[in-house]
Amino acid sequence: MRPIVTVFATSPDRGRGLARDMPVRWALEEAGQPYDVRLCSFEALKQPEHLRLQPFGQIPTYEDGEVALFESGAIVLHIAERHAGLLPRDVPGRARAVAWIFAALSTVEPPIVERAMASLTERDTSWYAARMPLLDARVHTRLQQLANRLGDAEWLDGAFSAGDLMMISVLRRLGGSGIIEAYPNLGLYVARGESRPAFARAFEAQLAVFRAASAG
């Protein structure tokens, strides 16, 4: 039985590869693991059948035999633990890679998402102009810290791992903002991730869903 991943039937990111199923697809491609997708409308996400898998009415979910998971980070970690190539074999390296998954989602992503949401939902408010510099500063603080840690290295901790996969997925959310360009090593880091064949396959698979929905 092939794993089944739920994805948006019509993705709000308009084919940019930012929907939350993208890192899951990427991890499966890195692992050489075929998978199937279940397309979900926004209405379907709120139905009991989906809520049994994802209590918050979001995507993705992951089903593989007796395993049913939600949250992209948990799913990526599960895939990495089951298949070679996404976690180091030594215990210390493996633990650090897992730490980077958590760092991406718990430390780096929150200010990026908060800034993006403010840009979408608060632009017409009286406080928007005053609030955005504060949000930008929070993002820059995290990016500077990450850039300092990465330095001239190719990946965060030795060879490419699930930690890099998740961190690059988070940093891609800044595309088009002009912010990542202030950190050349992070820009190159993201580009290296995007140049991986597994990323290209995952991106094309997600884009195909958007194209099919647009054509329909």
Protein backbone atom coordinates (compact mmCIF):
# COMPACT_ATOMS: atom_id res chain seq x y z
CA MET A 1 0.00 0.00 0.00
CA ARG A 2 1.35 3.40 -1.00
CA PRO A 3 1.17 6.32 1.42
CA ILE A 4 -1.71 8.72 0.85
CA VAL A 5 -1.21 12.45 1.35
CA THR A 6 -4.08 14.92 1.43
CA VAL A 7 -3.53 18.09 -0.60
CA PHE A 8 -5.54 21.13 -1.65
CA ALA A 9 -7.72 20.51 -4.67
CA THR A 10 -7.25 24.22 -5.42
CA SER A 11 -4.14 25.57 -3.72
CA PRO A 12 -4.26 29.19 -2.52
CA ASP A 13 -0.57 29.64 -3.32
CA ARG A 14 -1.33 29.48 -7.07
CA GLY A 15 1.34 26.92 -7.91
CA ARG A 16 4.24 28.44 -5.97
CA GLY A 17 4.96 25.25 -4.04
CA LEU A 18 4.18 26.76 -0.64
CA ALA A 19 1.24 24.63 0.47
CA ARG A 20 2.01 22.45 3.47
CA ASP A 21 2.03 19.23 1.49
CA MET A 22 5.16 20.40 -0.35
CA PRO A 23 7.75 19.34 2.28
CA VAL A 24 5.95 16.00 2.63
CA ARG A 25 6.08 15.44 -1.11
CA TRP A 26 9.74 16.49 -1.12
CA ALA A 27 10.62 14.07 1.69
CA LEU A 28 8.86 11.21 -0.10
CA GLU A 29 10.74 12.03 -3.31
CA GLU A 30 14.07 12.16 -1.46
CA ALA A 31 13.24 8.76 0.03
CA GLY A 32 12.29 7.32 -3.37
CA GLN A 33 8.87 6.45 -1.95
CA PRO A 34 5.90 6.46 -4.36
CA TYR A 35 2.73 7.96 -2.93
CA ASP A 36 -0.82 8.86 -3.81
CA VAL A 37 -2.72 12.05 -3.08
CA ARG A 38 -6.27 12.72 -2.02
CA LEU A 39 -7.55 16.08 -3.27
CA CYS A 40 -9.48 18.06 -0.67
CA SER A 41 -11.68 21.08 -1.24
CA PHE A 42 -11.91 23.70 1.48
CA GLU A 43 -15.36 22.37 2.30
CA ALA A 44 -14.04 18.81 2.64
CA LEU A 45 -11.42 19.95 5.16
CA LYS A 46 -14.19 20.75 7.66
CA GLN A 47 -16.07 17.48 7.27
CA PRO A 48 -15.96 14.74 9.96
CA GLU A 49 -14.11 12.31 7.69
CA HIS A 50 -11.16 14.68 7.34
CA LEU A 51 -11.35 16.00 10.91
CA ARG A 52 -10.81 12.46 12.18
CA LEU A 53 -7.39 12.63 10.51
CA GLN A 54 -6.66 16.33 11.03
CA PRO A 55 -8.59 17.82 13.96
CA PHE A 56 -7.79 21.40 12.89
CA GLY A 57 -9.18 21.05 9.38
CA GLN A 58 -5.90 21.59 7.54
CA ILE A 59 -3.63 19.77 5.10
CA PRO A 60 -1.61 17.64 4.86
CA THR A 61 -2.49 14.33 6.39
CA TYR A 62 -0.55 11.13 5.82
CA GLU A 63 -1.86 7.57 5.87
CA ASP A 64 0.37 4.53 5.52
CA GLY A 65 -1.09 1.26 6.74
CA GLU A 66 -1.83 1.63 10.44
CA VAL A 67 -0.11 5.03 10.62
CA ALA A 68 -2.22 8.16 10.25
CA LEU A 69 -0.49 11.49 10.89
CA PHE A 70 -1.06 15.22 10.60
CA GLU A 71 1.35 18.18 10.80
CA SER A 72 3.95 18.44 8.06
CA GLY A 73 6.93 18.35 10.44
CA ALA A 74 5.74 15.17 12.13
CA ILE A 75 5.11 13.55 8.77
CA VAL A 76 8.53 14.51 7.41
CA LEU A 77 10.18 13.16 10.55
CA HIS A 78 8.24 9.90 10.24
CA ILE A 79 9.33 9.49 6.61
CA ALA A 80 12.94 10.34 7.49
CA GLU A 81 12.98 7.75 10.27
CA ARG A 82 11.65 5.02 8.00
CA HIS A 83 13.79 5.65 4.91
CA ALA A 84 17.50 6.21 4.40
CA GLY A 85 18.92 9.52 3.23
CA LEU A 86 17.13 12.11 5.32
CA LEU A 87 18.72 11.54 8.72
CA PRO A 88 22.37 10.85 9.60
CA ARG A 89 23.17 7.33 10.77
CA ASP A 90 25.08 8.42 13.88
CA VAL A 91 22.99 9.23 16.94
CA PRO A 92 24.38 12.76 17.60
CA GLY A 93 23.97 13.79 13.95
CA ARG A 94 20.49 12.32 13.84
CA ALA A 95 19.48 14.24 16.96
CA ARG A 96 20.81 17.51 15.54
CA ALA A 97 18.91 17.01 12.28
CA VAL A 98 15.70 16.49 14.24
CA ALA A 99 16.46 19.65 16.23
CA TRP A 100 16.69 21.61 12.96
CA ILE A 101 13.23 20.38 11.95
CA PHE A 102 11.86 21.82 15.18
CA ALA A 103 13.93 25.01 14.79
CA ALA A 104 12.52 25.60 11.32
CA LEU A 105 8.91 25.26 12.46
CA SER A 106 9.09 26.66 16.00
CA THR A 107 11.74 29.39 15.78
CA VAL A 108 12.21 30.57 12.18
CA GLU A 109 8.75 30.15 10.68
CA PRO A 110 6.51 31.98 13.21
CA PRO A 111 7.78 35.54 12.51
CA ILE A 112 7.75 34.82 8.76
CA VAL A 113 4.14 33.66 8.85
CA GLU A 114 3.09 36.51 11.14
CA ARG A 115 4.56 39.02 8.70
CA ALA A 116 2.88 37.36 5.72
CA MET A 117 -0.50 37.28 7.44
CA ALA A 118 -0.24 40.94 8.41
CA SER A 119 0.53 41.81 4.79
CA LEU A 120 -2.61 39.98 3.70
CA THR A 121 -5.11 40.90 6.41
CA GLU A 122 -3.95 44.17 7.99
CA ARG A 123 -2.88 46.26 5.02
CA ASP A 124 -5.95 48.53 5.24
CA THR A 125 -5.73 49.09 9.00
CA SER A 126 -4.54 52.24 10.73
CA TRP A 127 -1.72 50.38 12.49
CA TYR A 128 -0.27 48.57 9.47
CA ALA A 129 2.46 51.13 8.67
CA ALA A 130 3.70 51.15 12.26
CA ARG A 131 3.45 47.39 12.74
CA MET A 132 5.30 46.19 9.66
CA PRO A 133 8.77 47.48 10.64
CA LEU A 134 8.44 45.55 13.90
CA LEU A 135 7.49 42.37 12.05
CA ASP A 136 10.30 42.88 9.54
CA ALA A 137 12.78 43.30 12.39
CA ARG A 138 11.72 40.00 13.96
CA VAL A 139 12.22 38.20 10.66
CA HIS A 140 15.62 39.81 10.13
CA THR A 141 16.73 38.82 13.62
CA ARG A 142 16.02 35.16 12.93
CA LEU A 143 17.54 35.27 9.46
CA GLN A 144 20.73 36.90 10.72
CA GLN A 145 21.06 34.24 13.40
CA LEU A 146 20.50 31.50 10.86
CA ALA A 147 22.91 33.08 8.37
CA ASN A 148 25.56 33.29 11.08
CA ARG A 149 25.10 29.62 11.89
CA LEU A 150 25.18 28.48 8.26
CA GLY A 151 28.20 30.55 7.33
CA ASP A 152 29.88 29.14 4.22
CA ALA A 153 28.59 25.62 4.76
CA GLU A 154 26.52 23.86 2.13
CA TRP A 155 23.97 22.52 4.62
CA LEU A 156 23.16 23.19 8.27
CA ASP A 157 24.97 20.22 9.80
CA GLY A 158 27.04 18.08 7.47
CA ALA A 159 25.13 16.34 4.71
CA PHE A 160 21.65 17.36 3.52
CA SER A 161 19.00 16.17 5.97
CA ALA A 162 15.33 16.49 6.84
CA GLY A 163 16.35 19.53 8.89
CA ASP A 164 17.53 21.30 5.74
CA LEU A 165 14.43 20.19 3.87
CA MET A 166 12.16 21.76 6.45
CA MET A 167 14.27 24.90 6.91
CA ILE A 168 14.41 25.56 3.16
CA SER A 169 10.66 24.98 2.92
CA VAL A 170 10.18 27.69 5.55
CA LEU A 171 12.61 30.15 3.94
CA ARG A 172 10.86 29.78 0.59
CA ARG A 173 7.89 31.60 2.12
CA LEU A 174 9.95 34.78 1.84
CA GLY A 175 10.14 34.52 -1.95
CA GLY A 176 9.21 37.80 -3.60
CA SER A 177 9.55 39.81 -0.38
CA GLY A 178 13.10 41.00 -1.08
CA ILE A 179 14.11 40.01 2.45
CA ILE A 180 16.14 36.88 1.79
CA GLU A 181 18.36 38.83 -0.63
CA ALA A 182 19.92 40.60 2.36
CA TYR A 183 21.51 37.26 3.31
CA PRO A 184 23.41 35.92 0.30
CA ASN A 185 24.38 32.66 1.98
CA LEU A 186 20.74 31.92 2.79
CA GLY A 187 19.72 32.71 -0.77
CA LEU A 188 22.31 30.24 -2.05
CA TYR A 189 21.18 27.72 0.56
CA VAL A 190 17.60 27.89 -0.67
CA ALA A 191 18.76 27.65 -4.28
CA ARG A 192 20.74 24.50 -3.49
CA GLY A 193 17.65 22.92 -2.01
CA GLU A 194 15.52 23.89 -4.99
CA SER A 195 18.12 22.43 -7.37
CA ARG A 196 17.77 18.96 -5.89
CA PRO A 197 16.01 16.57 -8.30
CA ALA A 198 13.66 15.40 -5.54
CA PHE A 199 12.53 18.99 -4.94
CA ALA A 200 11.90 19.48 -8.65
CA ARG A 201 9.75 16.34 -8.80
CA ALA A 202 7.76 17.38 -5.74
CA PHE A 203 7.26 20.90 -7.07
CA GLU A 204 6.06 19.66 -10.44
CA ALA A 205 3.66 17.22 -8.81
CA GLN A 206 2.12 19.98 -6.71
CA LEU A 207 2.06 22.37 -9.67
CA ALA A 208 0.25 19.76 -11.78
CA VAL A 209 -2.65 19.81 -9.31
CA PHE A 210 -2.90 23.60 -9.59
CA ARG A 211 -2.78 23.48 -13.38
CA ALA A 212 -5.48 20.82 -13.53
CA ALA A 213 -7.72 22.84 -11.20
CA SER A 214 -7.13 25.99 -13.24
CA ALA A 215 -7.89 24.21 -16.50
CA GLY A 216 -11.09 22.78 -15.05
